[in-house]
Amino acid sequence: MREYTVQSPLLHDGEMYAIEQPVTMDEKQAALLLEQGVIIPAPATLRLDRDDKPVEEMTSAELKKALARLKIEIPRGVKKPGLVDLYNQAVGATPDKGNPS
């Protein structure tokens, strides 16, 4: 089971979830909802996926992969500082504090 953040109202296991609410489900259940943009991986889940490496220490390739999982469009020619900003905006982190706990 993994935690996700709701991006569009969701009825799951008989319970209604509002936008920005956390929801836990297995990866098989989440697959289609992720594809449709109804949910995104929760920030804590993303940190686990990258072994708690601070976002500023991630390579450009790692940042692009994380942004792709979040379904974030990457502007052409963007450099690593821009990727860090996009990632922080996507997960609701502040640039000086990293990811929220």
C-alpha atoms as a PDB file:
ATOM      1  CA  MET A   1       0.000   0.000   0.000  1.00  0.00           C
ATOM      2  CA  ARG A   2       1.223   3.477  -0.892  1.00  0.00           C
ATOM      3  CA  GLU A   3       0.032   6.970  -0.113  1.00  0.00           C
ATOM      4  CA  TYR A   4      -1.179   9.329  -2.823  1.00  0.00           C
ATOM      5  CA  THR A   5      -2.565  12.865  -2.895  1.00  0.00           C
ATOM      6  CA  VAL A   6      -5.984  13.418  -4.458  1.00  0.00           C
ATOM      7  CA  GLN A   7      -6.057  15.906  -7.369  1.00  0.00           C
ATOM      8  CA  SER A   8      -9.716  15.492  -8.300  1.00  0.00           C
ATOM      9  CA  PRO A   9     -12.648  14.394  -6.068  1.00  0.00           C
ATOM     10  CA  LEU A  10     -12.452  10.625  -5.594  1.00  0.00           C
ATOM     11  CA  LEU A  11     -14.736   7.921  -4.239  1.00  0.00           C
ATOM     12  CA  HIS A  12     -12.546   5.057  -2.998  1.00  0.00           C
ATOM     13  CA  ASP A  13     -13.637   2.095  -0.873  1.00  0.00           C
ATOM     14  CA  GLY A  14     -16.928   3.827  -0.086  1.00  0.00           C
ATOM     15  CA  GLU A  15     -15.259   7.012   1.189  1.00  0.00           C
ATOM     16  CA  MET A  16     -15.203  10.393  -0.563  1.00  0.00           C
ATOM     17  CA  TYR A  17     -11.819  12.139  -0.792  1.00  0.00           C
ATOM     18  CA  ALA A  18     -11.468  15.850  -1.545  1.00  0.00           C
ATOM     19  CA  ILE A  19      -8.679  17.547  -3.482  1.00  0.00           C
ATOM     20  CA  GLU A  20      -5.339  17.548  -1.597  1.00  0.00           C
ATOM     21  CA  GLN A  21      -6.472  14.783   0.808  1.00  0.00           C
ATOM     22  CA  PRO A  22      -4.184  11.782   1.254  1.00  0.00           C
ATOM     23  CA  VAL A  23      -5.467   8.379   0.180  1.00  0.00           C
ATOM     24  CA  THR A  24      -3.835   4.968   0.593  1.00  0.00           C
ATOM     25  CA  MET A  25      -4.224   2.181  -1.943  1.00  0.00           C
ATOM     26  CA  ASP A  26      -2.189  -0.509  -3.626  1.00  0.00           C
ATOM     27  CA  GLU A  27      -0.278   0.239  -6.806  1.00  0.00           C
ATOM     28  CA  LYS A  28      -2.633  -1.834  -8.957  1.00  0.00           C
ATOM     29  CA  GLN A  29      -5.631   0.226  -7.807  1.00  0.00           C
ATOM     30  CA  ALA A  30      -3.694   3.458  -8.290  1.00  0.00           C
ATOM     31  CA  ALA A  31      -2.376   2.793 -11.813  1.00  0.00           C
ATOM     32  CA  LEU A  32      -5.370   4.088 -13.793  1.00  0.00           C
ATOM     33  CA  LEU A  33      -6.018   6.951 -11.364  1.00  0.00           C
ATOM     34  CA  LEU A  34      -2.384   8.065 -11.731  1.00  0.00           C
ATOM     35  CA  GLU A  35      -2.668   7.896 -15.509  1.00  0.00           C
ATOM     36  CA  GLN A  36      -5.855  10.008 -15.424  1.00  0.00           C
ATOM     37  CA  GLY A  37      -4.329  12.570 -13.046  1.00  0.00           C
ATOM     38  CA  VAL A  38      -6.900  11.901 -10.307  1.00  0.00           C
ATOM     39  CA  ILE A  39      -4.100  11.174  -7.817  1.00  0.00           C
ATOM     40  CA  ILE A  40      -0.359  11.811  -7.623  1.00  0.00           C
ATOM     41  CA  PRO A  41       2.249  10.124  -5.448  1.00  0.00           C
ATOM     42  CA  ALA A  42       2.378  11.770  -2.034  1.00  0.00           C
ATOM     43  CA  PRO A  43       5.571  13.771  -1.372  1.00  0.00           C
ATOM     44  CA  ALA A  44       6.672  11.280   1.313  1.00  0.00           C
ATOM     45  CA  THR A  45       6.265   8.480  -1.240  1.00  0.00           C
ATOM     46  CA  LEU A  46       8.432  10.342  -3.718  1.00  0.00           C
ATOM     47  CA  ARG A  47      11.149  10.811  -1.103  1.00  0.00           C
ATOM     48  CA  LEU A  48      11.156   7.047  -0.517  1.00  0.00           C
ATOM     49  CA  ASP A  49      11.387   6.445  -4.260  1.00  0.00           C
ATOM     50  CA  ARG A  50      14.576   8.488  -4.398  1.00  0.00           C
ATOM     51  CA  ASP A  51      16.112   7.185  -1.162  1.00  0.00           C
ATOM     52  CA  ASP A  52      15.616  10.469   0.753  1.00  0.00           C
ATOM     53  CA  LYS A  53      18.148  12.233  -1.449  1.00  0.00           C
ATOM     54  CA  PRO A  54      17.600  16.011  -1.171  1.00  0.00           C
ATOM     55  CA  VAL A  55      16.039  17.378  -4.347  1.00  0.00           C
ATOM     56  CA  GLU A  56      19.014  19.693  -4.882  1.00  0.00           C
ATOM     57  CA  GLU A  57      21.310  16.633  -5.002  1.00  0.00           C
ATOM     58  CA  MET A  58      19.220  14.793  -7.596  1.00  0.00           C
ATOM     59  CA  THR A  59      20.629  14.625 -11.115  1.00  0.00           C
ATOM     60  CA  SER A  60      18.761  16.224 -14.004  1.00  0.00           C
ATOM     61  CA  ALA A  61      17.768  12.730 -15.174  1.00  0.00           C
ATOM     62  CA  GLU A  62      16.358  11.868 -11.722  1.00  0.00           C
ATOM     63  CA  LEU A  63      14.442  15.149 -11.629  1.00  0.00           C
ATOM     64  CA  LYS A  64      13.003  14.561 -15.104  1.00  0.00           C
ATOM     65  CA  LYS A  65      11.906  11.049 -14.090  1.00  0.00           C
ATOM     66  CA  ALA A  66      10.251  12.368 -10.902  1.00  0.00           C
ATOM     67  CA  LEU A  67       8.492  15.128 -12.858  1.00  0.00           C
ATOM     68  CA  ALA A  68       7.285  12.601 -15.437  1.00  0.00           C
ATOM     69  CA  ARG A  69       5.770  10.477 -12.628  1.00  0.00           C
ATOM     70  CA  LEU A  70       3.939  13.609 -11.477  1.00  0.00           C
ATOM     71  CA  LYS A  71       2.755  14.261 -15.056  1.00  0.00           C
ATOM     72  CA  ILE A  72       4.493  17.657 -15.075  1.00  0.00           C
ATOM     73  CA  GLU A  73       5.383  19.035 -18.494  1.00  0.00           C
ATOM     74  CA  ILE A  74       9.022  20.076 -18.709  1.00  0.00           C
ATOM     75  CA  PRO A  75       9.658  23.138 -20.872  1.00  0.00           C
ATOM     76  CA  ARG A  76      12.209  22.621 -23.637  1.00  0.00           C
ATOM     77  CA  GLY A  77      15.754  23.615 -22.689  1.00  0.00           C
ATOM     78  CA  VAL A  78      15.138  23.952 -18.950  1.00  0.00           C
ATOM     79  CA  LYS A  79      18.291  23.527 -16.854  1.00  0.00           C
ATOM     80  CA  LYS A  80      18.676  21.764 -13.485  1.00  0.00           C
ATOM     81  CA  PRO A  81      17.722  24.821 -11.326  1.00  0.00           C
ATOM     82  CA  GLY A  82      14.487  25.069 -13.303  1.00  0.00           C
ATOM     83  CA  LEU A  83      13.834  21.347 -12.820  1.00  0.00           C
ATOM     84  CA  VAL A  84      14.356  21.753  -9.053  1.00  0.00           C
ATOM     85  CA  ASP A  85      11.850  24.642  -9.029  1.00  0.00           C
ATOM     86  CA  LEU A  86       9.301  22.627 -11.032  1.00  0.00           C
ATOM     87  CA  TYR A  87       9.669  19.654  -8.694  1.00  0.00           C
ATOM     88  CA  ASN A  88       9.332  21.779  -5.557  1.00  0.00           C
ATOM     89  CA  GLN A  89       6.211  23.465  -6.957  1.00  0.00           C
ATOM     90  CA  ALA A  90       4.730  20.088  -7.917  1.00  0.00           C
ATOM     91  CA  VAL A  91       5.100  18.596  -4.435  1.00  0.00           C
ATOM     92  CA  GLY A  92       4.327  21.794  -2.547  1.00  0.00           C
ATOM     93  CA  ALA A  93       7.826  22.195  -1.119  1.00  0.00           C
ATOM     94  CA  THR A  94       9.524  25.488  -0.476  1.00  0.00           C
ATOM     95  CA  PRO A  95      12.917  25.786  -2.169  1.00  0.00           C
ATOM     96  CA  ASP A  96      14.781  26.626   1.040  1.00  0.00           C
ATOM     97  CA  LYS A  97      13.222  23.835   3.108  1.00  0.00           C
ATOM     98  CA  GLY A  98      13.046  20.891   0.705  1.00  0.00           C
ATOM     99  CA  ASN A  99      10.087  18.537   0.731  1.00  0.00           C
ATOM    100  CA  PRO A 100       7.360  18.797   3.366  1.00  0.00           C
ATOM    101  CA  SER A 101       7.333  16.096   6.032  1.00  0.00           C
END
